[in-house]
C-alpha atoms as a PDB file:
ATOM      1  CA  MET A   1      40.715  95.839  69.086  1.00  0.00           C
ATOM      2  CA  ARG A   2      39.363  98.691  66.997  1.00  0.00           C
ATOM      3  CA  VAL A   3      41.080  98.755  63.581  1.00  0.00           C
ATOM      4  CA  LEU A   4      40.791 101.641  61.137  1.00  0.00           C
ATOM      5  CA  ILE A   5      41.227 100.678  57.467  1.00  0.00           C
ATOM      6  CA  THR A   6      42.095 103.576  55.163  1.00  0.00           C
ATOM      7  CA  ARG A   7      42.488 101.620  51.911  1.00  0.00           C
ATOM      8  CA  PRO A   8      40.127 102.408  49.008  1.00  0.00           C
ATOM      9  CA  GLU A   9      36.817 100.524  49.104  1.00  0.00           C
ATOM     10  CA  SER A  10      37.851  98.289  46.207  1.00  0.00           C
ATOM     11  CA  ARG A  11      40.916  97.067  48.110  1.00  0.00           C
ATOM     12  CA  GLY A  12      39.909  97.003  51.756  1.00  0.00           C
ATOM     13  CA  GLY A  13      37.006  94.574  51.725  1.00  0.00           C
ATOM     14  CA  ARG A  14      38.893  91.315  52.183  1.00  0.00           C
ATOM     15  CA  THR A  15      41.080  92.802  54.905  1.00  0.00           C
ATOM     16  CA  ALA A  16      38.017  94.121  56.729  1.00  0.00           C
ATOM     17  CA  ALA A  17      36.241  90.759  56.453  1.00  0.00           C
ATOM     18  CA  LYS A  18      39.263  88.864  57.781  1.00  0.00           C
ATOM     19  CA  LEU A  19      39.724  91.266  60.704  1.00  0.00           C
ATOM     20  CA  THR A  20      36.012  91.064  61.549  1.00  0.00           C
ATOM     21  CA  GLU A  21      36.227  87.267  61.418  1.00  0.00           C
ATOM     22  CA  LEU A  22      39.093  87.470  63.923  1.00  0.00           C
ATOM     23  CA  GLY A  23      36.843  89.451  66.267  1.00  0.00           C
ATOM     24  CA  HIS A  24      38.094  92.982  65.668  1.00  0.00           C
ATOM     25  CA  ASP A  25      35.916  96.079  65.482  1.00  0.00           C
ATOM     26  CA  VAL A  26      36.629  97.304  61.945  1.00  0.00           C
ATOM     27  CA  VAL A  27      36.080 100.881  60.812  1.00  0.00           C
ATOM     28  CA  ARG A  28      36.295 101.615  57.078  1.00  0.00           C
ATOM     29  CA  LEU A  29      37.608 105.092  56.306  1.00  0.00           C
ATOM     30  CA  PRO A  30      38.976 105.093  52.755  1.00  0.00           C
ATOM     31  CA  LEU A  31      41.085 108.158  52.113  1.00  0.00           C
ATOM     32  CA  PHE A  32      41.023 107.967  48.315  1.00  0.00           C
ATOM     33  CA  SER A  33      38.593 106.820  45.663  1.00  0.00           C
ATOM     34  CA  PRO A  34      39.518 105.765  42.119  1.00  0.00           C
ATOM     35  CA  VAL A  35      38.135 107.724  39.189  1.00  0.00           C
ATOM     36  CA  HIS A  36      38.372 105.906  35.868  1.00  0.00           C
ATOM     37  CA  ASP A  37      38.827 107.810  32.611  1.00  0.00           C
ATOM     38  CA  ARG A  38      36.643 105.870  30.175  1.00  0.00           C
ATOM     39  CA  PRO A  39      37.579 107.890  27.053  1.00  0.00           C
ATOM     40  CA  ALA A  40      41.289 107.386  27.827  1.00  0.00           C
ATOM     41  CA  ILE A  41      40.710 103.657  28.326  1.00  0.00           C
ATOM     42  CA  GLU A  42      38.848 103.345  25.022  1.00  0.00           C
ATOM     43  CA  ALA A  43      41.484 105.344  23.140  1.00  0.00           C
ATOM     44  CA  ALA A  44      44.327 103.363  24.695  1.00  0.00           C
ATOM     45  CA  ILE A  45      42.947  99.932  23.949  1.00  0.00           C
ATOM     46  CA  ALA A  46      42.271 100.996  20.338  1.00  0.00           C
ATOM     47  CA  THR A  47      45.959 101.818  19.738  1.00  0.00           C
ATOM     48  CA  PRO A  48      48.032  99.026  18.177  1.00  0.00           C
ATOM     49  CA  HIS A  49      50.027  97.209  20.860  1.00  0.00           C
ATOM     50  CA  ALA A  50      51.957  93.985  21.310  1.00  0.00           C
ATOM     51  CA  ALA A  51      51.031  93.509  24.960  1.00  0.00           C
ATOM     52  CA  ILE A  52      49.453  95.284  27.912  1.00  0.00           C
ATOM     53  CA  ALA A  53      51.275  96.161  31.141  1.00  0.00           C
ATOM     54  CA  VAL A  54      49.701  97.184  34.443  1.00  0.00           C
ATOM     55  CA  THR A  55      51.222  98.018  37.798  1.00  0.00           C
ATOM     56  CA  SER A  56      47.990  97.970  39.790  1.00  0.00           C
ATOM     57  CA  ALA A  57      44.707  96.121  39.975  1.00  0.00           C
ATOM     58  CA  GLU A  58      42.991  99.508  39.672  1.00  0.00           C
ATOM     59  CA  ALA A  59      44.239  99.747  36.083  1.00  0.00           C
ATOM     60  CA  VAL A  60      42.676  96.339  35.418  1.00  0.00           C
ATOM     61  CA  ARG A  61      39.409  97.468  37.012  1.00  0.00           C
ATOM     62  CA  SER A  62      39.401 100.522  34.751  1.00  0.00           C
ATOM     63  CA  LEU A  63      39.955  98.292  31.732  1.00  0.00           C
ATOM     64  CA  ALA A  64      37.253  95.838  32.816  1.00  0.00           C
ATOM     65  CA  GLU A  65      34.696  98.656  32.641  1.00  0.00           C
ATOM     66  CA  LEU A  66      34.771  98.232  28.855  1.00  0.00           C
ATOM     67  CA  GLY A  67      32.647  95.116  29.323  1.00  0.00           C
ATOM     68  CA  PRO A  68      32.013  93.241  26.056  1.00  0.00           C
ATOM     69  CA  ALA A  69      34.244  95.687  24.148  1.00  0.00           C
ATOM     70  CA  LEU A  70      37.197  94.137  26.001  1.00  0.00           C
ATOM     71  CA  ALA A  71      36.583  90.672  24.486  1.00  0.00           C
ATOM     72  CA  PRO A  72      38.825  91.144  21.395  1.00  0.00           C
ATOM     73  CA  HIS A  73      41.765  91.921  23.703  1.00  0.00           C
ATOM     74  CA  LEU A  74      41.513  89.027  26.145  1.00  0.00           C
ATOM     75  CA  ASP A  75      44.073  86.941  24.218  1.00  0.00           C
ATOM     76  CA  THR A  76      46.597  89.796  24.401  1.00  0.00           C
ATOM     77  CA  ARG A  77      49.493  89.048  26.747  1.00  0.00           C
ATOM     78  CA  LEU A  78      49.193  91.078  29.937  1.00  0.00           C
ATOM     79  CA  PHE A  79      52.165  91.780  32.211  1.00  0.00           C
ATOM     80  CA  ALA A  80      51.203  92.602  35.800  1.00  0.00           C
ATOM     81  CA  VAL A  81      52.992  93.654  38.973  1.00  0.00           C
ATOM     82  CA  GLY A  82      52.118  91.231  41.749  1.00  0.00           C
ATOM     83  CA  THR A  83      49.787  88.316  42.184  1.00  0.00           C
ATOM     84  CA  ALA A  84      46.794  90.461  43.206  1.00  0.00           C
ATOM     85  CA  THR A  85      47.016  92.426  39.958  1.00  0.00           C
ATOM     86  CA  ALA A  86      47.534  89.224  37.972  1.00  0.00           C
ATOM     87  CA  HIS A  87      44.459  87.665  39.608  1.00  0.00           C
ATOM     88  CA  ALA A  88      42.423  90.779  38.792  1.00  0.00           C
ATOM     89  CA  ALA A  89      43.512  90.466  35.147  1.00  0.00           C
ATOM     90  CA  GLN A  90      42.555  86.794  35.059  1.00  0.00           C
ATOM     91  CA  ALA A  91      39.210  87.596  36.689  1.00  0.00           C
ATOM     92  CA  ALA A  92      38.641  90.207  33.952  1.00  0.00           C
ATOM     93  CA  GLY A  93      39.115  87.404  31.399  1.00  0.00           C
ATOM     94  CA  PHE A  94      42.734  87.787  30.268  1.00  0.00           C
ATOM     95  CA  ARG A  95      44.093  84.382  29.306  1.00  0.00           C
ATOM     96  CA  HIS A  96      47.849  85.112  29.054  1.00  0.00           C
ATOM     97  CA  VAL A  97      48.960  86.831  32.253  1.00  0.00           C
ATOM     98  CA  ASP A  98      52.549  87.023  33.505  1.00  0.00           C
ATOM     99  CA  ALA A  99      53.247  88.452  36.960  1.00  0.00           C
ATOM    100  CA  SER A 100      56.351  90.018  38.451  1.00  0.00           C
ATOM    101  CA  VAL A 101      57.159  90.937  42.025  1.00  0.00           C
ATOM    102  CA  GLY A 102      58.248  94.381  43.167  1.00  0.00           C
ATOM    103  CA  GLY A 103      57.387  97.446  41.113  1.00  0.00           C
ATOM    104  CA  GLY A 104      57.916  99.011  37.714  1.00  0.00           C
ATOM    105  CA  ALA A 105      61.580  98.016  37.400  1.00  0.00           C
ATOM    106  CA  GLU A 106      60.777  94.356  38.045  1.00  0.00           C
ATOM    107  CA  LEU A 107      57.881  94.502  35.605  1.00  0.00           C
ATOM    108  CA  ALA A 108      60.229  95.932  32.965  1.00  0.00           C
ATOM    109  CA  SER A 109      62.630  93.033  33.612  1.00  0.00           C
ATOM    110  CA  LEU A 110      59.792  90.576  33.071  1.00  0.00           C
ATOM    111  CA  VAL A 111      58.818  92.220  29.771  1.00  0.00           C
ATOM    112  CA  LEU A 112      62.450  92.407  28.628  1.00  0.00           C
ATOM    113  CA  GLY A 113      62.909  88.727  29.464  1.00  0.00           C
ATOM    114  CA  HIS A 114      59.829  87.800  27.481  1.00  0.00           C
ATOM    115  CA  TYR A 115      61.106  89.705  24.443  1.00  0.00           C
ATOM    116  CA  ALA A 116      64.775  88.740  24.874  1.00  0.00           C
ATOM    117  CA  THR A 117      65.033  86.873  21.568  1.00  0.00           C
ATOM    118  CA  SER A 118      62.679  88.930  19.426  1.00  0.00           C
ATOM    119  CA  ARG A 119      61.523  92.494  19.995  1.00  0.00           C
ATOM    120  CA  PRO A 120      57.827  93.255  19.608  1.00  0.00           C
ATOM    121  CA  ASP A 121      56.779  94.944  16.366  1.00  0.00           C
ATOM    122  CA  ARG A 122      54.347  97.201  18.229  1.00  0.00           C
ATOM    123  CA  PRO A 123      54.646  99.088  21.522  1.00  0.00           C
ATOM    124  CA  ILE A 124      53.719  97.806  24.959  1.00  0.00           C
ATOM    125  CA  LEU A 125      50.544  99.516  26.173  1.00  0.00           C
ATOM    126  CA  TYR A 126      51.059 100.610  29.767  1.00  0.00           C
ATOM    127  CA  LEU A 127      47.783 101.377  31.548  1.00  0.00           C
ATOM    128  CA  ALA A 128      48.716 103.540  34.489  1.00  0.00           C
ATOM    129  CA  GLY A 129      47.476 105.854  37.152  1.00  0.00           C
ATOM    130  CA  GLU A 130      47.936 109.577  36.993  1.00  0.00           C
ATOM    131  CA  ARG A 131      50.892 109.456  39.402  1.00  0.00           C
ATOM    132  CA  ARG A 132      53.764 107.061  38.834  1.00  0.00           C
ATOM    133  CA  LYS A 133      57.533 106.953  39.111  1.00  0.00           C
ATOM    134  CA  GLY A 134      58.229 106.296  35.415  1.00  0.00           C
ATOM    135  CA  ARG A 135      60.739 103.484  35.926  1.00  0.00           C
ATOM    136  CA  PHE A 136      58.846 100.961  33.830  1.00  0.00           C
ATOM    137  CA  GLU A 137      58.621 102.970  30.625  1.00  0.00           C
ATOM    138  CA  LYS A 138      62.149 104.352  31.078  1.00  0.00           C
ATOM    139  CA  LEU A 139      63.689 100.886  31.325  1.00  0.00           C
ATOM    140  CA  LEU A 140      61.779  99.636  28.296  1.00  0.00           C
ATOM    141  CA  SER A 141      62.891 102.655  26.270  1.00  0.00           C
ATOM    142  CA  GLU A 142      66.507 102.244  27.324  1.00  0.00           C
ATOM    143  CA  ASN A 143      66.343  98.651  26.085  1.00  0.00           C
ATOM    144  CA  GLY A 144      64.770  99.374  22.721  1.00  0.00           C
ATOM    145  CA  ILE A 145      61.144  98.508  23.419  1.00  0.00           C
ATOM    146  CA  ALA A 146      58.536 101.148  22.634  1.00  0.00           C
ATOM    147  CA  CYS A 147      55.956 101.873  25.294  1.00  0.00           C
ATOM    148  CA  VAL A 148      52.740 103.868  25.100  1.00  0.00           C
ATOM    149  CA  VAL A 149      51.530 105.176  28.463  1.00  0.00           C
ATOM    150  CA  ALA A 150      47.817 105.703  28.975  1.00  0.00           C
ATOM    151  CA  GLU A 151      46.651 107.289  32.222  1.00  0.00           C
ATOM    152  CA  THR A 152      43.393 105.453  32.745  1.00  0.00           C
ATOM    153  CA  TYR A 153      42.601 106.389  36.339  1.00  0.00           C
ATOM    154  CA  ARG A 154      43.432 108.741  39.156  1.00  0.00           C
ATOM    155  CA  MET A 155      42.945 108.571  42.897  1.00  0.00           C
ATOM    156  CA  GLU A 156      40.946 111.437  44.365  1.00  0.00           C
ATOM    157  CA  PRO A 157      40.848 112.237  48.067  1.00  0.00           C
ATOM    158  CA  ILE A 158      37.599 111.654  49.915  1.00  0.00           C
ATOM    159  CA  ALA A 159      36.384 114.560  52.024  1.00  0.00           C
ATOM    160  CA  TYR A 160      34.746 113.695  55.327  1.00  0.00           C
ATOM    161  CA  SER A 161      32.740 116.183  57.335  1.00  0.00           C
ATOM    162  CA  ILE A 162      33.922 117.263  60.767  1.00  0.00           C
ATOM    163  CA  GLU A 163      31.045 115.266  62.257  1.00  0.00           C
ATOM    164  CA  GLU A 164      32.087 112.110  60.398  1.00  0.00           C
ATOM    165  CA  GLN A 165      35.702 112.569  61.473  1.00  0.00           C
ATOM    166  CA  GLN A 166      34.633 113.129  65.064  1.00  0.00           C
ATOM    167  CA  ALA A 167      32.509 109.968  65.090  1.00  0.00           C
ATOM    168  CA  LEU A 168      35.071 107.763  63.357  1.00  0.00           C
ATOM    169  CA  LEU A 169      38.330 109.054  64.805  1.00  0.00           C
ATOM    170  CA  VAL A 170      37.770 110.900  68.055  1.00  0.00           C
ATOM    171  CA  ASP A 171      34.688 109.592  69.865  1.00  0.00           C
ATOM    172  CA  ARG A 172      36.108 106.058  69.726  1.00  0.00           C
ATOM    173  CA  LYS A 173      39.820 105.978  69.030  1.00  0.00           C
ATOM    174  CA  ALA A 174      41.356 103.266  66.882  1.00  0.00           C
ATOM    175  CA  ASP A 175      43.891 100.858  68.366  1.00  0.00           C
ATOM    176  CA  ALA A 176      45.489 100.218  64.980  1.00  0.00           C
ATOM    177  CA  VAL A 177      45.437 101.789  61.521  1.00  0.00           C
ATOM    178  CA  MET A 178      45.889  99.966  58.225  1.00  0.00           C
END
């Protein structure tokens, strides 16, 4: 079976490898590519914060680009949505990682639970993408916890030439798309 994978390069590798291992003909056609905003990352991490929150592994990858400059922050508690994001944070060196399931609302519940008996004296630093729903920061605010949002990355569409599209999508059609 010919399987087309449209996930960004950073997230489609394991899926592609597993499908290839199962004998499928895998075609990688990422539709978006992450662009990290290094100055925003540096400014964000320099602001006083009680903890860090992330809703995607891409935010962790943007933060990891700081390299050795990230070392002073690796003992900071990091709240993550999902196990994949939590694993990315641990791989980046964070030692205190708590993971929620779901999305921003569930992450807010995790943070609120952690600070149920004593509110943080500094805001939660939320490293986010350019587009988000805003539930996380709204719920924290409604419950008396300050949150600083830093847009540290954006996803930009990848343009393929007509020839590339023809070769990947038309000359040999995909049986499935992921």
